[in-house]
Amino acid sequence: MTIRRATLQDLDELCRLSRLEHAQSRMSAQPYEPEKVRQSFSAAVTGMSAAVFVSETPDGLGGLIVGMVQGNLFKAHKVEFKSGY
């Protein structure tokens, strides 16, 4: 297994993994919008305030983790947010 930064070429696989995670999550009753997910991953992969790392095997991507810094609704300081599949 290899751990590496995700690239735009990984978008299809990132979306596949997120669909699997969504189906098993407490948010599964909420609609899954593939185009919104693709846009979010594209922004995270290419943006300055996020990073996406993937685990890659000969069979394809097996997992991912996203880390980002974003503004806080309640104060001026930025906060970190992590999510993994």
Protein backbone atom coordinates (compact mmCIF):
# COMPACT_ATOMS: atom_id res chain seq x y z
CA MET A 1 0.00 0.00 0.00
CA THR A 2 1.16 3.52 -0.83
CA ILE A 3 0.05 6.73 0.88
CA ARG A 4 0.18 9.80 -1.34
CA ARG A 5 -1.48 13.13 -2.05
CA ALA A 6 -4.59 12.86 -4.18
CA THR A 7 -4.61 14.35 -7.67
CA LEU A 8 -7.39 15.41 -9.99
CA GLN A 9 -6.99 12.05 -11.73
CA ASP A 10 -8.30 10.44 -8.50
CA LEU A 11 -11.65 12.25 -8.55
CA ASP A 12 -13.68 9.27 -9.79
CA GLU A 13 -12.25 7.01 -7.09
CA LEU A 14 -12.61 9.66 -4.37
CA CYS A 15 -16.27 10.02 -5.30
CA ARG A 16 -16.73 6.23 -5.28
CA LEU A 17 -15.26 5.97 -1.79
CA SER A 18 -17.34 8.86 -0.51
CA ARG A 19 -20.52 7.27 -1.87
CA LEU A 20 -19.70 4.08 0.06
CA GLU A 21 -19.03 6.07 3.23
CA HIS A 22 -22.20 8.12 2.83
CA ALA A 23 -24.30 4.96 2.49
CA GLN A 24 -22.94 3.63 5.81
CA SER A 25 -22.96 6.91 7.72
CA ARG A 26 -25.51 8.56 9.99
CA MET A 27 -26.05 11.01 7.11
CA SER A 28 -27.31 8.28 4.74
CA ALA A 29 -30.89 9.58 4.95
CA GLN A 30 -29.68 12.84 3.38
CA PRO A 31 -29.43 13.08 -0.41
CA TYR A 32 -26.07 12.31 -1.99
CA GLU A 33 -25.25 14.82 -4.72
CA PRO A 34 -22.43 13.40 -6.88
CA GLU A 35 -21.63 16.67 -8.66
CA LYS A 36 -21.35 18.57 -5.34
CA VAL A 37 -19.06 15.86 -3.97
CA ARG A 38 -16.89 16.03 -7.10
CA GLN A 39 -16.66 19.83 -6.83
CA SER A 40 -15.74 19.59 -3.15
CA PHE A 41 -12.99 17.04 -3.79
CA SER A 42 -11.68 19.06 -6.73
CA ALA A 43 -11.44 22.16 -4.54
CA ALA A 44 -9.78 20.20 -1.71
CA VAL A 45 -7.22 18.59 -4.03
CA THR A 46 -6.23 21.85 -5.72
CA GLY A 47 -6.83 24.39 -2.95
CA MET A 48 -4.46 25.96 -0.46
CA SER A 49 -6.56 25.35 2.66
CA ALA A 50 -7.06 21.59 2.31
CA ALA A 51 -5.16 18.38 1.64
CA VAL A 52 -6.40 14.99 0.52
CA PHE A 53 -4.30 11.87 1.04
CA VAL A 54 -5.18 8.45 -0.35
CA SER A 55 -4.09 4.89 0.29
CA GLU A 56 -3.43 3.10 -2.97
CA THR A 57 -3.17 -0.62 -3.61
CA PRO A 58 -2.79 -2.53 -6.89
CA ASP A 59 -6.61 -2.76 -6.93
CA GLY A 60 -7.12 1.02 -6.67
CA LEU A 61 -7.77 3.46 -3.87
CA GLY A 62 -8.67 1.87 -0.57
CA GLY A 63 -9.15 4.92 1.61
CA LEU A 64 -8.69 8.62 2.02
CA ILE A 65 -8.35 11.36 4.57
CA VAL A 66 -9.16 15.03 4.07
CA GLY A 67 -7.82 17.82 6.25
CA MET A 68 -8.83 21.44 5.88
CA VAL A 69 -8.68 24.79 7.61
CA GLN A 70 -11.80 26.89 7.50
CA GLY A 71 -13.31 29.95 9.05
CA ASN A 72 -15.18 29.58 12.29
CA LEU A 73 -18.76 30.77 12.54
CA PHE A 74 -18.34 31.97 16.13
CA LYS A 75 -14.87 33.54 16.24
CA ALA A 76 -12.14 35.01 14.05
CA HIS A 77 -9.71 32.10 14.43
CA LYS A 78 -9.57 29.37 11.83
CA VAL A 79 -10.20 25.78 12.83
CA GLU A 80 -9.11 22.44 11.42
CA PHE A 81 -11.50 19.80 10.16
CA LYS A 82 -10.63 16.20 9.34
CA SER A 83 -12.59 13.49 7.61
CA GLY A 84 -11.56 10.04 6.54
CA TYR A 85 -13.08 7.14 4.63
